[in-house]
Each structure stands twice: as C-alpha cells, then as structure tokens.
C-alpha cells in the first residue's frame, strides 16, 4: 500500500498511519510519502513505541511494516 500524506502535520499523519497499518494483511508494508520536516524525527520514535518496523527512511519516503500480532 502507498500513502502520500503530503505536508500533513505529524499529529494528523500518525492518526492516518495508525488506521492504514491496521488494515494491512500480515507480511505487507506501507510506503509513506511525507514532506513535513518533523516526520523524520517523529516517525522512528513512534515506530519504536508502537512496535512497528521502520524498514526504510529516506525522506520524504518511508517504508513501514506493521507489528506482528501475538
């Protein structure tokens, strides 16, 4: 799945990201395009806190794998 969040701020972006990751089937990933400069710092921290895996971070492009449910 691919999502272009444009210049969306981090708060709104995280809400949308959480919703999209929840719909992904196991083993899939989300390609995120985000131009807000704060994303490069906030997204890795959010992934660590939530257990999602940040596979690639080359701003403005990020690839995230949802956490595996137990």
PDB file of N, CA and C in Angstrom:
ATOM      1  N   UNK A   1       0.845  -1.167   0.000  1.00  0.00           N
ATOM      2  CA  UNK A   1       0.000   0.000   0.000  1.00  0.00           C
ATOM      3  C   UNK A   1       0.894   1.235   0.000  1.00  0.00           C
ATOM      4  N   UNK A   2       0.432   2.278  -0.644  1.00  0.00           N
ATOM      5  CA  UNK A   2       1.176   3.533  -0.714  1.00  0.00           C
ATOM      6  C   UNK A   2       0.271   4.662  -0.255  1.00  0.00           C
ATOM      7  N   UNK A   3       0.817   5.573   0.540  1.00  0.00           N
ATOM      8  CA  UNK A   3       0.047   6.712   1.017  1.00  0.00           C
ATOM      9  C   UNK A   3       0.883   7.976   0.890  1.00  0.00           C
ATOM     10  N   UNK A   4       0.370   8.939   0.150  1.00  0.00           N
ATOM     11  CA  UNK A   4       1.022  10.237   0.013  1.00  0.00           C
ATOM     12  C   UNK A   4       0.360  11.190   1.002  1.00  0.00           C
ATOM     13  N   UNK A   5       1.038  11.451   2.110  1.00  0.00           N
ATOM     14  CA  UNK A   5       0.497  12.324   3.150  1.00  0.00           C
ATOM     15  C   UNK A   5       0.853  13.790   2.909  1.00  0.00           C
ATOM     16  N   UNK A   6       1.608  14.057   1.862  1.00  0.00           N
ATOM     17  CA  UNK A   6       1.955  15.436   1.527  1.00  0.00           C
ATOM     18  C   UNK A   6       2.622  16.156   2.680  1.00  0.00           C
ATOM     19  N   UNK A   7       2.125  17.358   2.999  1.00  0.00           N
ATOM     20  CA  UNK A   7       2.700  18.171   4.073  1.00  0.00           C
ATOM     21  C   UNK A   7       1.888  18.057   5.362  1.00  0.00           C
ATOM     22  N   UNK A   8       1.123  16.993   5.492  1.00  0.00           N
ATOM     23  CA  UNK A   8       0.306  16.769   6.677  1.00  0.00           C
ATOM     24  C   UNK A   8       1.190  16.793   7.924  1.00  0.00           C
ATOM     25  N   UNK A   9       0.723  17.463   8.971  1.00  0.00           N
ATOM     26  CA  UNK A   9       1.466  17.535  10.230  1.00  0.00           C
ATOM     27  C   UNK A   9       1.505  16.188  10.930  1.00  0.00           C
ATOM     28  N   UNK A  10       2.450  16.040  11.825  1.00  0.00           N
ATOM     29  CA  UNK A  10       2.691  14.740  12.454  1.00  0.00           C
ATOM     30  C   UNK A  10       1.492  14.193  13.217  1.00  0.00           C
ATOM     31  N   UNK A  11       0.761  15.031  13.940  1.00  0.00           N
ATOM     32  CA  UNK A  11      -0.387  14.532  14.698  1.00  0.00           C
ATOM     33  C   UNK A  11      -1.420  13.877  13.803  1.00  0.00           C
ATOM     34  N   UNK A  12      -1.821  14.580  12.774  1.00  0.00           N
ATOM     35  CA  UNK A  12      -2.807  14.059  11.819  1.00  0.00           C
ATOM     36  C   UNK A  12      -2.235  12.874  11.042  1.00  0.00           C
ATOM     37  N   UNK A  13      -0.962  12.957  10.701  1.00  0.00           N
ATOM     38  CA  UNK A  13      -0.306  11.879   9.962  1.00  0.00           C
ATOM     39  C   UNK A  13      -0.298  10.583  10.773  1.00  0.00           C
ATOM     40  N   UNK A  14       0.004  10.671  12.064  1.00  0.00           N
ATOM     41  CA  UNK A  14       0.060   9.472  12.908  1.00  0.00           C
ATOM     42  C   UNK A  14      -1.310   8.812  12.998  1.00  0.00           C
ATOM     43  N   UNK A  15      -2.373   9.606  13.108  1.00  0.00           N
ATOM     44  CA  UNK A  15      -3.731   9.041  13.156  1.00  0.00           C
ATOM     45  C   UNK A  15      -4.022   8.288  11.861  1.00  0.00           C
ATOM     46  N   UNK A  16      -3.737   8.904  10.720  1.00  0.00           N
ATOM     47  CA  UNK A  16      -3.959   8.250   9.432  1.00  0.00           C
ATOM     48  C   UNK A  16      -3.086   7.027   9.246  1.00  0.00           C
ATOM     49  N   UNK A  17      -1.867   7.111   9.714  1.00  0.00           N
ATOM     50  CA  UNK A  17      -0.929   5.993   9.603  1.00  0.00           C
ATOM     51  C   UNK A  17      -1.417   4.806  10.425  1.00  0.00           C
ATOM     52  N   UNK A  18      -1.859   5.077  11.630  1.00  0.00           N
ATOM     53  CA  UNK A  18      -2.376   4.019  12.510  1.00  0.00           C
ATOM     54  C   UNK A  18      -3.559   3.304  11.855  1.00  0.00           C
ATOM     55  N   UNK A  19      -4.470   4.061  11.258  1.00  0.00           N
ATOM     56  CA  UNK A  19      -5.639   3.475  10.588  1.00  0.00           C
ATOM     57  C   UNK A  19      -5.217   2.618   9.399  1.00  0.00           C
ATOM     58  N   UNK A  20      -4.290   3.099   8.613  1.00  0.00           N
ATOM     59  CA  UNK A  20      -3.861   2.350   7.427  1.00  0.00           C
ATOM     60  C   UNK A  20      -3.094   1.081   7.801  1.00  0.00           C
ATOM     61  N   UNK A  21      -2.225   1.168   8.789  1.00  0.00           N
ATOM     62  CA  UNK A  21      -1.463  -0.011   9.201  1.00  0.00           C
ATOM     63  C   UNK A  21      -2.382  -1.099   9.752  1.00  0.00           C
ATOM     64  N   UNK A  22      -3.466  -0.702  10.395  1.00  0.00           N
ATOM     65  CA  UNK A  22      -4.404  -1.672  10.971  1.00  0.00           C
ATOM     66  C   UNK A  22      -5.116  -2.489   9.899  1.00  0.00           C
ATOM     67  N   UNK A  23      -5.189  -1.977   8.675  1.00  0.00           N
ATOM     68  CA  UNK A  23      -5.903  -2.683   7.607  1.00  0.00           C
ATOM     69  C   UNK A  23      -4.993  -3.561   6.750  1.00  0.00           C
ATOM     70  N   UNK A  24      -3.684  -3.489   6.970  1.00  0.00           N
ATOM     71  CA  UNK A  24      -2.754  -4.243   6.124  1.00  0.00           C
ATOM     72  C   UNK A  24      -2.739  -5.726   6.489  1.00  0.00           C
ATOM     73  N   UNK A  25      -2.680  -6.592   5.487  1.00  0.00           N
ATOM     74  CA  UNK A  25      -2.557  -8.022   5.773  1.00  0.00           C
ATOM     75  C   UNK A  25      -1.159  -8.352   6.300  1.00  0.00           C
ATOM     76  N   UNK A  26      -1.019  -9.451   7.028  1.00  0.00           N
ATOM     77  CA  UNK A  26       0.290  -9.854   7.551  1.00  0.00           C
ATOM     78  C   UNK A  26       1.336  -9.958   6.437  1.00  0.00           C
ATOM     79  N   UNK A  27       2.546  -9.516   6.739  1.00  0.00           N
ATOM     80  CA  UNK A  27       3.642  -9.611   5.781  1.00  0.00           C
ATOM     81  C   UNK A  27       3.710  -8.476   4.780  1.00  0.00           C
ATOM     82  N   UNK A  28       2.789  -7.533   4.857  1.00  0.00           N
ATOM     83  CA  UNK A  28       2.796  -6.428   3.901  1.00  0.00           C
ATOM     84  C   UNK A  28       3.475  -5.205   4.510  1.00  0.00           C
ATOM     85  N   UNK A  29       3.604  -4.171   3.709  1.00  0.00           N
ATOM     86  CA  UNK A  29       4.232  -2.945   4.194  1.00  0.00           C
ATOM     87  C   UNK A  29       3.497  -1.739   3.623  1.00  0.00           C
ATOM     88  N   UNK A  30       3.770  -0.592   4.215  1.00  0.00           N
ATOM     89  CA  UNK A  30       3.177   0.666   3.780  1.00  0.00           C
ATOM     90  C   UNK A  30       4.297   1.593   3.336  1.00  0.00           C
ATOM     91  N   UNK A  31       4.186   2.102   2.124  1.00  0.00           N
ATOM     92  CA  UNK A  31       5.119   3.116   1.647  1.00  0.00           C
ATOM     93  C   UNK A  31       4.475   4.466   1.922  1.00  0.00           C
ATOM     94  N   UNK A  32       5.141   5.271   2.715  1.00  0.00           N
ATOM     95  CA  UNK A  32       4.635   6.581   3.115  1.00  0.00           C
ATOM     96  C   UNK A  32       5.471   7.667   2.465  1.00  0.00           C
ATOM     97  N   UNK A  33       4.793   8.627   1.850  1.00  0.00           N
ATOM     98  CA  UNK A  33       5.452   9.824   1.349  1.00  0.00           C
ATOM     99  C   UNK A  33       4.979  10.970   2.231  1.00  0.00           C
ATOM    100  N   UNK A  34       5.902  11.597   2.952  1.00  0.00           N
ATOM    101  CA  UNK A  34       5.552  12.657   3.893  1.00  0.00           C
ATOM    102  C   UNK A  34       6.591  13.762   3.828  1.00  0.00           C
ATOM    103  N   UNK A  35       6.139  14.973   3.537  1.00  0.00           N
ATOM    104  CA  UNK A  35       7.048  16.100   3.340  1.00  0.00           C
ATOM    105  C   UNK A  35       7.257  16.956   4.584  1.00  0.00           C
ATOM    106  N   UNK A  36       6.465  16.752   5.633  1.00  0.00           N
ATOM    107  CA  UNK A  36       6.636  17.545   6.851  1.00  0.00           C
ATOM    108  C   UNK A  36       8.013  17.250   7.443  1.00  0.00           C
ATOM    109  N   UNK A  37       8.815  18.271   7.736  1.00  0.00           N
ATOM    110  CA  UNK A  37      10.173  18.026   8.232  1.00  0.00           C
ATOM    111  C   UNK A  37      10.228  17.302   9.577  1.00  0.00           C
ATOM    112  N   UNK A  38       9.190  17.391  10.386  1.00  0.00           N
ATOM    113  CA  UNK A  38       9.179  16.726  11.679  1.00  0.00           C
ATOM    114  C   UNK A  38       9.032  15.224  11.601  1.00  0.00           C
ATOM    115  N   UNK A  39       8.560  14.724  10.472  1.00  0.00           N
ATOM    116  CA  UNK A  39       8.326  13.284  10.322  1.00  0.00           C
ATOM    117  C   UNK A  39       9.623  12.496  10.460  1.00  0.00           C
ATOM    118  N   UNK A  40      10.724  13.029   9.975  1.00  0.00           N
ATOM    119  CA  UNK A  40      11.991  12.286  10.017  1.00  0.00           C
ATOM    120  C   UNK A  40      12.441  11.993  11.448  1.00  0.00           C
ATOM    121  N   UNK A  41      11.995  12.777  12.418  1.00  0.00           N
ATOM    122  CA  UNK A  41      12.318  12.508  13.825  1.00  0.00           C
ATOM    123  C   UNK A  41      11.177  11.790  14.535  1.00  0.00           C
ATOM    124  N   UNK A  42       9.949  12.204  14.261  1.00  0.00           N
ATOM    125  CA  UNK A  42       8.796  11.656  14.986  1.00  0.00           C
ATOM    126  C   UNK A  42       8.445  10.235  14.572  1.00  0.00           C
ATOM    127  N   UNK A  43       8.556   9.912  13.301  1.00  0.00           N
ATOM    128  CA  UNK A  43       8.155   8.589  12.826  1.00  0.00           C
ATOM    129  C   UNK A  43       9.008   7.463  13.410  1.00  0.00           C
ATOM    130  N   UNK A  44      10.339   7.558  13.420  1.00  0.00           N
ATOM    131  CA  UNK A  44      11.130   6.485  14.038  1.00  0.00           C
ATOM    132  C   UNK A  44      10.780   6.279  15.517  1.00  0.00           C
ATOM    133  N   UNK A  45      10.564   7.377  16.240  1.00  0.00           N
ATOM    134  CA  UNK A  45      10.209   7.265  17.661  1.00  0.00           C
ATOM    135  C   UNK A  45       8.852   6.592  17.819  1.00  0.00           C
ATOM    136  N   UNK A  46       7.884   6.965  16.993  1.00  0.00           N
ATOM    137  CA  UNK A  46       6.550   6.368  17.060  1.00  0.00           C
ATOM    138  C   UNK A  46       6.619   4.877  16.739  1.00  0.00           C
ATOM    139  N   UNK A  47       7.409   4.502  15.751  1.00  0.00           N
ATOM    140  CA  UNK A  47       7.549   3.083  15.401  1.00  0.00           C
ATOM    141  C   UNK A  47       8.150   2.297  16.567  1.00  0.00           C
ATOM    142  N   UNK A  48       9.154   2.844  17.216  1.00  0.00           N
ATOM    143  CA  UNK A  48       9.748   2.162  18.379  1.00  0.00           C
ATOM    144  C   UNK A  48       8.720   1.981  19.493  1.00  0.00           C
ATOM    145  N   UNK A  49       7.929   3.002  19.746  1.00  0.00           N
ATOM    146  CA  UNK A  49       6.932   2.943  20.822  1.00  0.00           C
ATOM    147  C   UNK A  49       5.792   1.979  20.527  1.00  0.00           C
ATOM    148  N   UNK A  50       5.425   1.844  19.262  1.00  0.00           N
ATOM    149  CA  UNK A  50       4.263   1.027  18.898  1.00  0.00           C
ATOM    150  C   UNK A  50       4.624  -0.373  18.429  1.00  0.00           C
ATOM    151  N   UNK A  51       5.912  -0.628  18.180  1.00  0.00           N
ATOM    152  CA  UNK A  51       6.325  -1.952  17.736  1.00  0.00           C
ATOM    153  C   UNK A  51       6.295  -2.151  16.235  1.00  0.00           C
ATOM    154  N   UNK A  52       5.969  -1.094  15.482  1.00  0.00           N
ATOM    155  CA  UNK A  52       6.021  -1.193  14.024  1.00  0.00           C
ATOM    156  C   UNK A  52       7.481  -1.085  13.593  1.00  0.00           C
ATOM    157  N   UNK A  53       7.799  -1.637  12.439  1.00  0.00           N
ATOM    158  CA  UNK A  53       9.190  -1.653  11.968  1.00  0.00           C
ATOM    159  C   UNK A  53       9.373  -0.636  10.849  1.00  0.00           C
ATOM    160  N   UNK A  54      10.288   0.285  11.060  1.00  0.00           N
ATOM    161  CA  UNK A  54      10.639   1.255  10.031  1.00  0.00           C
ATOM    162  C   UNK A  54      11.725   0.619   9.174  1.00  0.00           C
ATOM    163  N   UNK A  55      11.353   0.176   7.998  1.00  0.00           N
ATOM    164  CA  UNK A  55      12.250  -0.572   7.113  1.00  0.00           C
ATOM    165  C   UNK A  55      13.179   0.373   6.358  1.00  0.00           C
ATOM    166  N   UNK A  56      12.632   1.480   5.875  1.00  0.00           N
ATOM    167  CA  UNK A  56      13.421   2.468   5.127  1.00  0.00           C
ATOM    168  C   UNK A  56      13.018   3.860   5.561  1.00  0.00           C
ATOM    169  N   UNK A  57      13.995   4.740   5.632  1.00  0.00           N
ATOM    170  CA  UNK A  57      13.735   6.145   5.941  1.00  0.00           C
ATOM    171  C   UNK A  57      14.651   7.004   5.089  1.00  0.00           C
ATOM    172  N   UNK A  58      14.147   7.401   3.944  1.00  0.00           N
ATOM    173  CA  UNK A  58      14.861   8.292   3.033  1.00  0.00           C
ATOM    174  C   UNK A  58      13.901   9.434   2.709  1.00  0.00           C
ATOM    175  N   UNK A  59      13.810  10.422   3.619  1.00  0.00           N
ATOM    176  CA  UNK A  59      12.827  11.492   3.457  1.00  0.00           C
ATOM    177  C   UNK A  59      12.813  12.044   2.040  1.00  0.00           C
ATOM    178  N   UNK A  60      11.624  12.200   1.504  1.00  0.00           N
ATOM    179  CA  UNK A  60      10.292  12.112   2.094  1.00  0.00           C
ATOM    180  C   UNK A  60       9.657  10.716   2.007  1.00  0.00           C
ATOM    181  N   UNK A  61      10.438   9.679   1.735  1.00  0.00           N
ATOM    182  CA  UNK A  61       9.890   8.328   1.555  1.00  0.00           C
ATOM    183  C   UNK A  61      10.261   7.448   2.745  1.00  0.00           C
ATOM    184  N   UNK A  62       9.256   6.736   3.245  1.00  0.00           N
ATOM    185  CA  UNK A  62       9.438   5.828   4.380  1.00  0.00           C
ATOM    186  C   UNK A  62       8.697   4.533   4.075  1.00  0.00           C
ATOM    187  N   UNK A  63       9.226   3.413   4.542  1.00  0.00           N
ATOM    188  CA  UNK A  63       8.548   2.125   4.401  1.00  0.00           C
ATOM    189  C   UNK A  63       8.399   1.539   5.799  1.00  0.00           C
ATOM    190  N   UNK A  64       7.166   1.160   6.129  1.00  0.00           N
ATOM    191  CA  UNK A  64       6.849   0.674   7.469  1.00  0.00           C
ATOM    192  C   UNK A  64       6.153  -0.672   7.370  1.00  0.00           C
ATOM    193  N   UNK A  65       6.585  -1.605   8.203  1.00  0.00           N
ATOM    194  CA  UNK A  65       5.902  -2.896   8.331  1.00  0.00           C
ATOM    195  C   UNK A  65       5.126  -2.878   9.639  1.00  0.00           C
ATOM    196  N   UNK A  66       3.843  -3.254   9.595  1.00  0.00           N
ATOM    197  CA  UNK A  66       3.082  -3.279  10.846  1.00  0.00           C
ATOM    198  C   UNK A  66       3.615  -4.344  11.784  1.00  0.00           C
ATOM    199  N   UNK A  67       3.448  -4.100  13.070  1.00  0.00           N
ATOM    200  CA  UNK A  67       3.917  -5.081  14.065  1.00  0.00           C
ATOM    201  C   UNK A  67       3.146  -6.376  13.891  1.00  0.00           C
ATOM    202  N   UNK A  68       3.808  -7.441  14.232  1.00  0.00           N
ATOM    203  CA  UNK A  68       3.171  -8.757  14.169  1.00  0.00           C
ATOM    204  C   UNK A  68       2.369  -8.947  15.445  1.00  0.00           C
ATOM    205  N   UNK A  69       1.123  -9.312  15.294  1.00  0.00           N
ATOM    206  CA  UNK A  69       0.271  -9.560  16.458  1.00  0.00           C
ATOM    207  C   UNK A  69       0.612 -10.915  17.050  1.00  0.00           C
ATOM    208  N   UNK A  70       0.577 -11.010  18.355  1.00  0.00           N
ATOM    209  CA  UNK A  70       0.894 -12.273  19.042  1.00  0.00           C
ATOM    210  C   UNK A  70      -0.284 -13.218  18.966  1.00  0.00           C
TER     211      UNK A  70
END
